[in-house]
Protein backbone atom coordinates (compact mmCIF):
# COMPACT_ATOMS: atom_id res chain seq x y z
CA MET A 1 0.07 -0.04 -0.09
CA LEU A 2 1.12 3.44 -0.62
CA ASP A 3 1.77 6.28 2.03
CA ARG A 4 -0.90 9.74 2.33
CA HIS A 5 1.94 11.34 -0.19
CA ILE A 6 1.59 9.11 -2.96
CA THR A 7 -1.51 10.10 -5.63
CA ARG A 8 -3.74 7.04 -6.12
CA ARG A 9 -4.40 6.93 -10.07
CA MET A 10 -4.92 4.06 -12.05
CA ILE A 11 -3.01 3.51 -15.35
CA LEU A 12 -3.33 1.90 -18.75
CA GLY A 13 -2.04 -1.69 -18.34
CA PRO A 14 -0.02 -1.89 -21.15
CA ILE A 15 2.29 0.90 -20.13
CA ALA A 16 3.61 -1.15 -17.48
CA GLY A 17 5.55 -3.84 -18.68
CA ILE A 18 8.63 -3.92 -16.30
CA GLY A 19 6.29 -4.40 -13.64
CA ALA A 20 4.51 -6.84 -14.99
CA LEU A 21 7.56 -9.30 -15.22
CA LEU A 22 7.67 -9.35 -11.55
CA LEU A 23 4.12 -10.43 -11.19
CA THR A 24 4.48 -13.10 -13.77
CA GLY A 25 8.36 -13.67 -12.63
CA GLY A 26 8.65 -16.85 -14.78
CA ALA A 27 8.47 -14.99 -18.28
CA PRO A 28 11.63 -14.03 -20.38
CA ALA A 29 12.41 -10.22 -20.04
CA PHE A 30 10.63 -8.77 -23.31
CA ALA A 31 10.24 -11.87 -24.92
CA PHE A 32 6.62 -11.19 -25.81
CA ASP A 33 5.28 -7.90 -27.56
CA GLY A 34 4.54 -6.82 -24.33
CA PRO A 35 3.62 -8.29 -20.83
CA SER A 36 0.15 -9.32 -20.07
CA PHE A 37 -0.25 -6.71 -17.16
CA ASP A 38 -3.35 -5.59 -16.35
CA CYS A 39 -3.93 -3.10 -13.14
CA SER A 40 -7.44 -4.21 -12.73
CA HIS A 41 -6.58 -7.36 -10.96
CA GLY A 42 -3.09 -9.20 -9.80
CA VAL A 43 -1.65 -6.06 -8.49
CA ASN A 44 0.34 -8.12 -5.50
CA SER A 45 3.75 -6.19 -5.47
CA ALA A 46 5.05 -2.94 -4.33
CA LEU A 47 6.88 -2.33 -7.78
CA ALA A 48 3.49 -3.38 -9.62
CA ILE A 49 1.60 -0.92 -7.00
CA ILE A 50 4.21 1.79 -8.19
CA LEU A 51 3.85 1.52 -11.77
CA CYS A 52 -0.28 1.27 -11.57
CA ARG A 53 -0.92 4.14 -9.14
CA VAL A 54 1.59 6.67 -9.60
CA PRO A 55 1.96 8.49 -13.37
CA GLU A 56 5.46 9.62 -13.29
CA ALA A 57 6.09 5.97 -12.71
CA ALA A 58 4.40 4.71 -15.76
CA GLN A 59 6.12 7.02 -17.72
CA ALA A 60 9.60 5.60 -16.57
CA ASP A 61 7.96 2.43 -17.37
CA TRP A 62 7.01 3.68 -20.79
CA ASN A 63 10.40 5.35 -21.35
CA LEU A 64 12.51 1.96 -20.91
CA VAL A 65 10.50 -0.48 -22.34
CA SER A 66 10.43 1.75 -25.63
CA ALA A 67 14.13 1.77 -25.70
CA TYR A 68 14.28 -1.86 -24.93
CA TRP A 69 12.17 -2.61 -28.14
CA ALA A 70 14.53 -0.77 -29.97
CA PHE A 71 17.62 -1.89 -28.50
CA SER A 72 17.07 -5.80 -29.01
CA SER A 73 14.47 -8.59 -28.62
CA ASP A 74 17.05 -10.81 -26.42
CA ASP A 75 18.79 -8.67 -23.89
CA ARG A 76 19.96 -11.52 -21.35
CA ASP A 77 20.39 -8.82 -18.56
CA GLN A 78 17.43 -7.34 -18.72
CA LYS A 79 15.72 -10.20 -16.75
CA ALA A 80 18.46 -10.00 -14.19
CA PHE A 81 17.68 -6.27 -14.15
CA SER A 82 13.68 -6.73 -13.85
CA GLN A 83 14.10 -9.23 -11.03
CA SER A 84 16.77 -7.30 -9.18
CA MET A 85 14.22 -4.24 -8.42
CA ASN A 86 13.30 -5.18 -5.02
CA GLN A 87 16.75 -5.14 -4.01
CA ARG A 88 17.92 -2.41 -5.56
CA CYS A 89 14.98 0.02 -3.90
CA VAL A 90 14.63 -2.51 -1.01
CA LEU A 91 10.96 -2.52 -1.88
CA PRO A 92 8.62 -3.72 0.65
CA ARG A 93 7.11 -7.06 0.64
CA GLN A 94 3.15 -6.95 0.10
CA GLU A 95 0.69 -9.33 1.89
CA THR A 96 -0.64 -12.00 0.09
CA ALA A 97 -4.79 -12.77 -0.12
CA GLU A 98 -4.31 -15.89 2.49
CA GLU A 99 -2.02 -13.77 4.86
CA SER A 100 -4.59 -11.03 4.77
CA VAL A 101 -7.57 -13.62 5.52
CA GLY A 102 -5.28 -15.16 8.75
CA ARG A 103 -4.04 -11.81 10.04
CA ALA A 104 -8.17 -10.80 10.09
CA PHE A 105 -8.81 -14.19 11.50
CA ALA A 106 -6.35 -13.78 14.05
CA GLN A 107 -7.51 -9.98 15.14
CA GLY A 108 -11.02 -11.17 15.58
CA TRP A 109 -10.09 -14.24 17.51
CA GLY A 110 -7.89 -12.18 19.61
CA ARG A 111 -10.97 -9.62 20.65
CA THR A 112 -13.33 -12.41 21.08
CA VAL A 113 -11.02 -14.20 23.63
CA TRP A 114 -8.92 -11.28 25.13
CA GLY A 115 -11.27 -8.14 24.07
CA GLN A 116 -8.85 -6.54 21.78
CA PRO A 117 -6.80 -7.80 18.79
CA LEU A 118 -3.95 -9.63 18.52
CA PRO A 119 -0.86 -7.31 17.45
CA ILE A 120 0.00 -8.78 14.34
CA PRO A 121 1.78 -6.24 12.10
CA GLY A 122 0.30 -5.24 8.55
CA PRO A 123 1.72 -4.75 5.30
CA GLN A 124 4.76 -2.42 5.08
CA LEU A 125 4.03 1.48 3.83
CA ILE A 126 5.38 2.24 0.07
CA THR A 127 7.05 5.77 0.44
CA GLN A 128 8.47 8.44 -1.66
CA ASN A 129 11.68 7.11 -1.57
CA HIS A 130 10.38 4.08 -2.80
CA VAL A 131 9.07 5.33 -5.69
CA ARG A 132 11.86 7.90 -6.72
CA CYS A 133 14.05 4.82 -6.79
CA VAL A 134 11.99 3.00 -9.26
CA ILE A 135 11.55 6.02 -11.19
CA THR A 136 15.33 6.72 -11.22
CA THR A 137 16.05 3.52 -11.88
CA PHE A 138 14.20 2.99 -14.88
CA HIS A 139 15.11 6.12 -16.22
CA ASN A 140 18.83 5.45 -16.17
CA ARG A 141 18.58 1.98 -17.53
CA ALA A 142 16.53 3.36 -20.68
CA ALA A 143 19.55 5.96 -20.86
CA THR A 144 22.25 3.20 -20.90
CA LEU A 145 19.96 1.46 -23.69
CA ARG A 146 19.70 4.38 -25.65
CA SER A 147 23.31 5.00 -25.61
CA LYS A 148 23.89 1.84 -27.89
CA LEU A 149 21.05 2.89 -30.35
CA THR A 150 21.66 4.86 -33.39
CA GLY A 151 19.69 6.18 -36.46
CA ASP A 152 16.04 4.87 -36.79
CA ALA A 153 16.41 2.36 -33.99
CA LEU A 154 17.03 5.71 -31.36
CA VAL A 155 14.31 7.78 -33.33
CA GLU A 156 11.69 4.79 -32.52
CA SER A 157 12.67 4.55 -28.99
CA LYS A 158 11.82 8.37 -28.73
CA LEU A 159 8.07 7.87 -29.79
CA SER A 160 4.97 8.24 -28.40
CA PRO A 161 2.89 5.30 -26.92
CA GLU A 162 0.48 7.11 -29.17
CA GLU A 163 2.90 7.03 -32.42
CA HIS A 164 3.86 3.27 -31.67
CA ILE A 165 0.10 1.97 -31.59
CA GLU A 166 -0.59 4.39 -34.64
CA ILE A 167 2.71 2.28 -36.56
CA GLN A 168 0.89 -0.93 -35.65
CA ALA A 169 -2.54 -0.26 -36.84
CA ALA A 170 -1.01 1.09 -40.09
CA LEU A 171 0.39 -2.59 -40.60
CA ILE A 172 -2.54 -4.11 -39.39
CA GLN A 173 -4.71 -2.09 -42.14
CA LYS A 174 -2.20 -3.10 -45.16
CA GLY A 175 -1.95 -6.64 -43.85
CA PHE A 176 1.46 -6.58 -42.83
CA LEU A 177 0.85 -7.38 -38.83
CA ARG A 178 -0.17 -10.66 -38.36
CA ASN A 179 0.26 -13.34 -35.82
CA ARG A 180 2.87 -15.46 -37.38
CA PHE A 181 4.67 -15.95 -33.97
CA ARG A 182 1.37 -17.51 -31.54
CA ASP A 183 3.30 -16.86 -28.56
CA TYR A 184 3.62 -13.55 -29.29
CA GLY A 185 0.74 -10.68 -29.47
CA ALA A 186 -0.12 -9.15 -32.79
CA ASN A 187 -2.58 -6.32 -31.71
CA ALA A 188 -2.02 -2.61 -31.77
CA ASP A 189 -0.98 -2.05 -28.15
CA GLY A 190 2.06 -0.11 -28.65
CA GLN A 191 4.78 -2.54 -27.88
CA PHE A 192 6.95 -3.85 -30.83
CA GLY A 193 7.83 -7.21 -30.32
CA PRO A 194 8.67 -9.85 -33.20
CA ASN A 195 5.63 -9.72 -35.15
CA THR A 196 5.68 -6.10 -35.20
CA ARG A 197 9.35 -6.22 -36.22
CA SER A 198 8.75 -8.54 -39.07
CA ALA A 199 6.09 -6.52 -40.24
CA ILE A 200 8.06 -3.68 -40.51
CA LYS A 201 10.38 -5.68 -42.52
CA ASP A 202 7.50 -7.02 -44.72
CA PHE A 203 6.41 -3.45 -45.46
CA GLN A 204 9.95 -2.17 -46.12
CA ARG A 205 10.44 -5.39 -48.69
CA SER A 206 7.21 -4.22 -50.36
CA ILE A 207 8.79 -0.56 -51.10
CA GLY A 208 12.10 -1.77 -52.04
CA ALA A 209 13.96 -0.53 -49.09
CA ARG A 210 15.96 -2.47 -47.04
CA GLU A 211 15.11 -4.66 -44.58
CA THR A 212 16.10 -3.12 -41.22
CA GLY A 213 13.12 -3.45 -39.04
CA PHE A 214 13.16 -0.02 -37.74
CA LEU A 215 11.52 2.73 -39.91
CA SER A 216 13.26 6.01 -41.33
CA SER A 217 10.87 9.44 -41.03
CA ASP A 218 10.25 8.82 -44.92
CA GLN A 219 9.12 5.09 -44.49
CA ARG A 220 6.89 5.83 -41.71
CA MET A 221 5.33 8.83 -43.37
CA ALA A 222 4.71 6.09 -46.38
CA LEU A 223 3.34 3.45 -44.05
CA LEU A 224 0.87 6.09 -42.49
CA GLU A 225 -0.95 7.91 -45.45
CA SER A 226 -3.62 6.34 -47.48
CA PRO A 227 -3.48 5.61 -51.01
CA GLN A 228 -5.12 9.27 -51.79
CA GLU A 229 -2.49 10.84 -49.50
CA ARG A 230 0.23 9.32 -51.26
CA GLU A 231 -0.93 9.85 -54.61
CA ALA A 232 -1.26 14.04 -53.43
CA ARG A 233 1.85 13.66 -51.90
CA LEU A 234 3.91 11.99 -55.04
CA ALA A 235 2.11 14.83 -57.15
CA ARG A 236 3.00 17.62 -55.01
CA ALA A 237 6.59 15.89 -54.69
CA ALA A 238 6.71 16.18 -58.93
CA ALA A 239 5.28 19.55 -58.75
CA GLU A 240 8.38 20.72 -56.52
CA ALA A 241 10.61 18.94 -58.30
CA ARG A 242 9.87 20.54 -61.44
CA ALA A 243 9.76 23.87 -59.69
CA LYS A 244 13.05 23.13 -58.21
CA GLN A 245 14.65 22.39 -61.51
CA ASP A 246 12.92 25.53 -62.93
CA ALA A 247 14.42 27.27 -59.82
CA LEU A 248 17.69 25.65 -60.74
CA GLU A 249 17.69 26.81 -64.35
CA ALA A 250 16.80 29.94 -63.49
CA GLN A 251 19.80 30.32 -61.00
CA ARG A 252 22.08 28.70 -63.20
CA GLN A 253 21.52 31.42 -66.12
CA ALA A 254 21.46 34.04 -63.47
CA GLU A 255 24.96 32.70 -62.49
CA GLU A 256 26.00 32.45 -66.06
CA GLN A 257 24.97 36.11 -66.19
CA LYS A 258 26.85 37.13 -63.19
CA LYS A 259 29.91 35.56 -64.34
CA ARG A 260 29.87 37.30 -67.47
CA ASP A 261 29.37 40.66 -65.74
CA GLU A 262 32.04 39.29 -63.25
CA GLU A 263 34.59 38.90 -66.45
CA ARG A 264 33.57 42.45 -68.02
CA ARG A 265 34.02 44.20 -64.54
CA LEU A 266 37.23 42.17 -63.84
CA GLU A 267 38.55 43.36 -67.73
CA ALA A 268 37.69 46.70 -66.37
CA GLN A 269 39.18 46.91 -63.28
CA ARG A 270 42.37 45.05 -64.94
CA GLN A 271 42.72 48.33 -67.27
CA ALA A 272 41.92 50.56 -64.93
CA GLU A 273 44.81 48.83 -62.67
CA GLU A 274 47.20 48.86 -65.62
CA GLN A 275 46.48 52.61 -66.30
CA LYS A 276 46.83 53.26 -62.49
CA LYS A 277 50.21 51.65 -62.07
CA ARG A 278 51.65 53.57 -65.59
CA ASP A 279 50.49 56.69 -63.50
CA GLU A 280 52.25 55.24 -60.27
CA GLU A 281 55.28 54.46 -62.33
CA ARG A 282 55.44 58.05 -64.12
CA ARG A 283 54.41 59.44 -60.41
CA LEU A 284 57.67 57.47 -58.91
CA GLU A 285 59.79 58.60 -61.45
CA ALA A 286 59.19 62.34 -61.22
CA GLN A 287 59.55 61.82 -57.40
CA ARG A 288 62.94 60.10 -57.87
CA GLN A 289 63.75 62.82 -60.05
CA ALA A 290 62.60 65.30 -57.62
CA GLU A 291 64.34 63.54 -54.79
CA GLU A 292 67.41 63.00 -56.58
CA GLN A 293 67.66 67.10 -57.42
CA LYS A 294 66.72 67.53 -53.39
CA LYS A 295 69.77 65.17 -52.93
CA ARG A 296 71.99 67.28 -54.94
CA ASP A 297 70.55 70.65 -53.70
CA GLU A 298 71.09 69.46 -49.75
CA GLU A 299 74.73 68.10 -50.76
CA LYS A 300 75.45 71.34 -52.00
CA ARG A 301 74.12 73.45 -48.89
CA LEU A 302 76.17 70.75 -46.77
CA GLU A 303 79.06 71.48 -48.73
CA ASP A 304 78.67 75.51 -48.60
CA GLU A 305 77.90 75.29 -45.17
CA ALA A 306 80.84 72.82 -44.40
CA ALA A 307 82.98 75.02 -46.18
CA GLU A 308 81.23 78.41 -44.02
CA TRP A 309 82.21 76.39 -40.89
CA ARG A 310 85.65 75.14 -41.90
CA GLU A 311 86.57 79.15 -42.30
CA LYS A 312 84.97 79.85 -38.88
CA ILE A 313 87.27 77.19 -37.71
CA GLU A 314 89.90 78.57 -39.17
CA GLU A 315 89.48 81.74 -38.21
CA ALA A 316 88.90 80.52 -34.54
CA LYS A 317 92.22 78.71 -34.79
CA LYS A 318 93.97 82.23 -35.44
CA LYS A 319 92.18 84.24 -33.33
CA GLY A 320 91.71 81.70 -30.41
CA PRO A 321 95.45 81.33 -29.01
CA GLY A 322 96.07 85.56 -29.68
CA TYR A 323 93.23 85.69 -27.32
CA ALA A 324 94.04 83.37 -25.12
CA ALA A 325 97.83 84.95 -24.90
CA ARG A 326 96.52 88.26 -24.13
CA ILE A 327 94.42 87.13 -21.07
CA ARG A 328 97.49 87.10 -18.91
CA ASP A 329 95.75 87.74 -15.30
CA ILE A 330 93.71 84.79 -15.52
CA THR A 331 95.60 81.68 -14.42
CA TRP A 332 93.92 77.99 -15.33
CA SER A 333 95.02 74.79 -13.53
CA LEU A 334 94.77 71.42 -15.00
CA THR A 335 93.94 68.58 -12.90
CA GLU A 336 93.74 64.94 -13.91
CA ARG A 337 92.65 61.45 -12.51
CA ILE A 338 91.99 58.32 -13.83
CA ASN A 339 88.55 56.46 -13.69
CA PRO A 340 88.49 53.32 -11.97
CA MET A 341 85.29 52.70 -14.17
CA THR A 342 86.79 53.22 -17.40
CA GLU A 343 90.31 53.51 -16.44
CA GLU A 344 90.86 56.52 -18.57
CA ILE A 345 92.39 59.66 -17.71
CA GLU A 346 89.73 62.66 -17.11
CA TYR A 347 91.05 66.19 -17.11
CA THR A 348 89.68 69.43 -15.03
CA VAL A 349 90.48 72.88 -15.61
CA SER A 350 89.63 75.42 -12.64
CA SER A 351 90.28 79.36 -12.66
CA THR A 352 89.63 82.22 -9.87
CA GLN A 353 88.16 85.51 -11.72
CA PRO A 354 87.63 88.38 -8.77
CA ASN A 355 86.03 91.65 -9.89
CA GLY A 356 88.06 93.64 -7.42
CA LYS A 357 85.11 95.09 -5.75
CA GLY A 358 84.41 91.97 -3.21
CA ALA A 359 82.90 89.33 -5.92
CA VAL A 360 84.77 86.39 -7.31
CA ALA A 361 84.11 83.43 -9.88
CA PHE A 362 85.20 80.47 -9.09
CA VAL A 363 85.28 78.83 -12.67
CA ASP A 364 85.67 74.99 -13.26
CA GLY A 365 85.68 73.21 -16.84
CA VAL A 366 84.54 69.53 -17.09
CA CYS A 367 83.87 66.78 -19.72
CA VAL A 368 80.20 65.53 -19.63
CA LYS A 369 79.12 62.68 -21.61
CA ASP A 370 79.33 64.68 -25.41
CA ARG A 371 79.83 68.08 -24.19
CA VAL A 372 82.52 70.29 -22.51
CA VAL A 373 80.77 72.39 -19.89
CA PHE A 374 82.08 75.54 -17.96
CA GLU A 375 80.24 76.50 -14.46
CA ALA A 376 81.34 79.31 -12.25
CA THR A 377 80.26 79.36 -8.44
CA LEU A 378 80.05 83.28 -7.36
CA GLN A 379 80.62 84.13 -3.82
CA ASP A 380 81.69 86.82 -1.65
CA ALA A 381 85.49 87.43 -2.12
CA ASN A 382 85.50 88.54 1.67
CA ASP A 383 83.39 86.35 3.21
CA PRO A 384 82.26 82.96 1.24
CA ASN A 385 79.49 82.20 3.78
CA ARG A 386 77.55 85.48 2.74
CA PRO A 387 75.27 84.99 0.06
CA LEU A 388 76.15 86.93 -2.94
CA GLY A 389 72.86 88.86 -4.14
CA PHE A 390 72.03 88.78 -7.43
CA PRO A 391 69.08 90.74 -9.81
CA PRO A 392 66.02 88.63 -9.78
CA SER A 393 65.63 86.61 -12.63
CA ALA A 394 62.53 84.15 -13.89
CA ASP A 395 62.68 80.22 -13.14
CA GLY A 396 65.48 80.87 -10.75
CA ALA A 397 67.91 81.52 -13.26
CA VAL A 398 70.79 84.41 -12.96
CA SER A 399 70.45 86.91 -15.22
CA GLY A 400 73.26 88.52 -17.16
CA LYS A 401 74.98 89.11 -20.73
CA LYS A 402 77.28 87.02 -22.63
CA ARG A 403 79.14 87.30 -25.90
CA ILE A 404 80.98 84.45 -27.90
CA ASN A 405 83.65 84.94 -30.15
CA GLU A 406 83.28 88.51 -32.14
CA ASP A 407 79.01 88.38 -31.72
CA ARG A 408 77.38 91.05 -30.39
CA VAL A 409 76.38 91.10 -26.68
CA PHE A 410 73.40 89.78 -25.77
CA PRO A 411 70.89 89.51 -22.60
CA THR A 412 70.43 86.05 -21.37
CA THR A 413 69.97 83.73 -18.19
CA PHE A 414 72.45 81.34 -16.57
CA PRO A 415 70.95 77.91 -15.24
CA THR A 416 71.72 77.25 -11.72
CA GLY A 417 72.80 74.28 -10.20
CA LYS A 418 72.09 72.70 -6.78
CA TRP A 419 72.92 76.26 -5.26
CA ARG A 420 71.43 79.40 -6.99
CA ASN A 421 74.88 80.54 -7.07
CA ARG A 422 76.25 77.92 -8.97
CA ILE A 423 75.79 78.88 -12.84
CA THR A 424 76.38 77.07 -16.06
CA VAL A 425 78.59 79.64 -18.33
CA SER A 426 79.47 77.93 -21.19
CA THR A 427 78.27 74.48 -23.10
CA LEU A 428 80.51 73.23 -26.05
CA SER A 429 79.21 70.79 -28.33
CA PHE A 430 81.20 68.16 -30.46
CA THR A 431 78.69 68.66 -33.50
CA GLN A 432 79.14 71.47 -36.39
CA ASN A 433 75.65 73.17 -35.78
CA SER A 434 75.64 74.13 -32.52
CA ALA A 435 75.79 77.50 -31.23
CA GLU A 436 78.88 76.71 -29.15
CA SER A 437 80.62 74.50 -31.44
CA ALA A 438 83.78 72.85 -29.78
CA GLY A 439 85.49 73.37 -33.24
CA ALA A 440 84.62 77.10 -33.61
CA THR A 441 84.24 78.71 -30.26
CA TRP A 442 87.19 80.62 -29.43
CA ARG A 443 86.27 82.83 -26.43
CA ALA A 444 83.21 83.18 -24.18
CA LEU A 445 82.51 86.00 -22.13
CA ALA A 446 79.74 86.31 -19.20
CA GLU A 447 78.87 89.35 -17.59
CA VAL A 448 76.81 88.86 -13.70
CA GLU A 449 75.36 91.75 -12.20
CA THR A 450 75.79 91.06 -8.16
CA SER A 451 75.62 92.61 -5.14
CA GLN A 452 79.25 93.50 -5.39
CA GLY A 453 79.31 95.17 -8.59
CA PRO A 454 79.41 93.45 -12.12
CA LEU A 455 81.65 90.29 -12.58
CA TYR A 456 82.81 89.13 -15.41
CA ILE A 457 83.99 85.73 -16.28
CA LYS A 458 86.26 84.98 -19.37
CA ILE A 459 86.81 81.77 -20.81
CA PRO A 460 89.41 81.56 -23.86
CA MET A 461 88.75 78.26 -25.16
CA PHE A 462 92.50 78.21 -27.22
CA ASN A 463 93.93 78.05 -23.65
CA GLU A 464 96.67 74.97 -23.60
CA LYS A 465 95.07 73.71 -20.63
CA ILE A 466 91.34 74.08 -22.04
CA GLN A 467 92.35 72.59 -25.18
CA THR A 468 93.42 69.67 -23.31
CA LEU A 469 90.38 69.27 -21.72
CA ILE A 470 88.76 69.56 -24.98
CA THR A 471 90.66 67.44 -26.48
CA ASN A 472 90.11 64.64 -24.27
CA CYS A 473 86.26 65.06 -24.04
CA GLN A 474 86.39 64.60 -28.01
CA ARG A 475 88.29 61.58 -27.98
CA GLN A 476 86.04 60.02 -25.38
CA TYR A 477 82.96 61.43 -27.40
CA GLU A 478 84.22 59.42 -30.79
CA LEU A 479 84.91 56.17 -28.32
CA GLU A 480 81.86 55.90 -27.14
CA LYS A 481 80.25 56.82 -30.19
CA ARG A 482 81.97 53.50 -31.72
CA ARG A 483 81.50 51.29 -28.44
CA ASN A 484 76.99 52.19 -29.06
CA GLY A 485 77.58 51.15 -33.16
CA ARG A 486 76.03 54.87 -34.02
CA ARG A 487 76.03 55.33 -37.83
CA ASP A 488 77.79 58.76 -37.30
CA ALA A 489 80.64 57.63 -35.50
CA PRO A 490 84.12 58.25 -37.33
CA ALA A 491 85.62 55.31 -38.70
């Protein structure tokens, strides 16, 4: 008996195939078209009760038997599976009719003798866990069988009971389904046994198809339709074939026309591309000639510029030593040290240049990468700890004036270093187009207005010691260019 959570609903007997096997016990697993199972009587096992009274269980039973009919007619482990349901789901044993009569008699006798019925236990309840186990086991078994099916057999296993019955009814109507195996049924009960499978093969033979025992979708359609429907379908198919042929012919002509149009388009495109190519060749030739002319003009300009620069250098060489010789009041010292990282000699030049009014400039010249930098520290000559005042200027620079070679004096600002009284006076570069070139600058003059009067700084580049610094710095610059693989590095 079922507990109060299970809906009590009767279902059709032919759907409960597996359950009937457990009722009959001795029949081989699905050796017949379908088990003779009628829920109206003989329901005396827990499995049969579940299949007869729970719609979801009946659906699970149909899911399994439809997969089995499509899978095989001699699955030897199906019987073992069916007989193991009680153990798989621990289904409670149900009371037989004799046991029920005996229990009722004993309880009546107890009331007569002792005034109360004997405590004889009744049948065990069927719980929701039992129902879920049966449904899950059936569905899992069906999935296992379907995993081995392919093609038309797999499609058949998924048909509904009504579709199975419809196929059998059509086979009966057309004289294919008959009871040639008398131990099996030959009626439209939805269960596909040997009689139904043989009938399907006979039908396939009648239409010239391969005898597989499983209907394809087209074969099922041909079986289910009437002669009139078949004639109408064939007429529709012929009309569709003609329409398809006409459409294909129209498509072929359209494609041929499209092909001719494409060929004309490609020819026009080819001619246009050839013309474009000729125009591009003429343009590139004109551009090449223009670039060659531009190159010749540039080479001439550079040559003229180089000649002009050589003249400036020669002039600087002539004026520089003379200017340096005239500056007798400024003494330059030369200091050298070996750089432990490069093992090369590095030079520093220094001079002290007072203005005679209390201000003094300590000038240093050093090599910094590809430049020679001259810096000056401006201090009070009498008290180095007292700040030396400067006119105010923007960005922390020091205002003043400057003159390079014989050029006119121009106002400028001198960049400051870490301290405001440390200014950059001149920066010599080894490139010819620099405003202050190491090859063409022979003097640099600077004027700074201080609180102790104007302070003049003189740097004669052709001083012997300053030339030693410049020559050494240029040599290091050229070595560094070669190390870095620069294209402008000298050979």
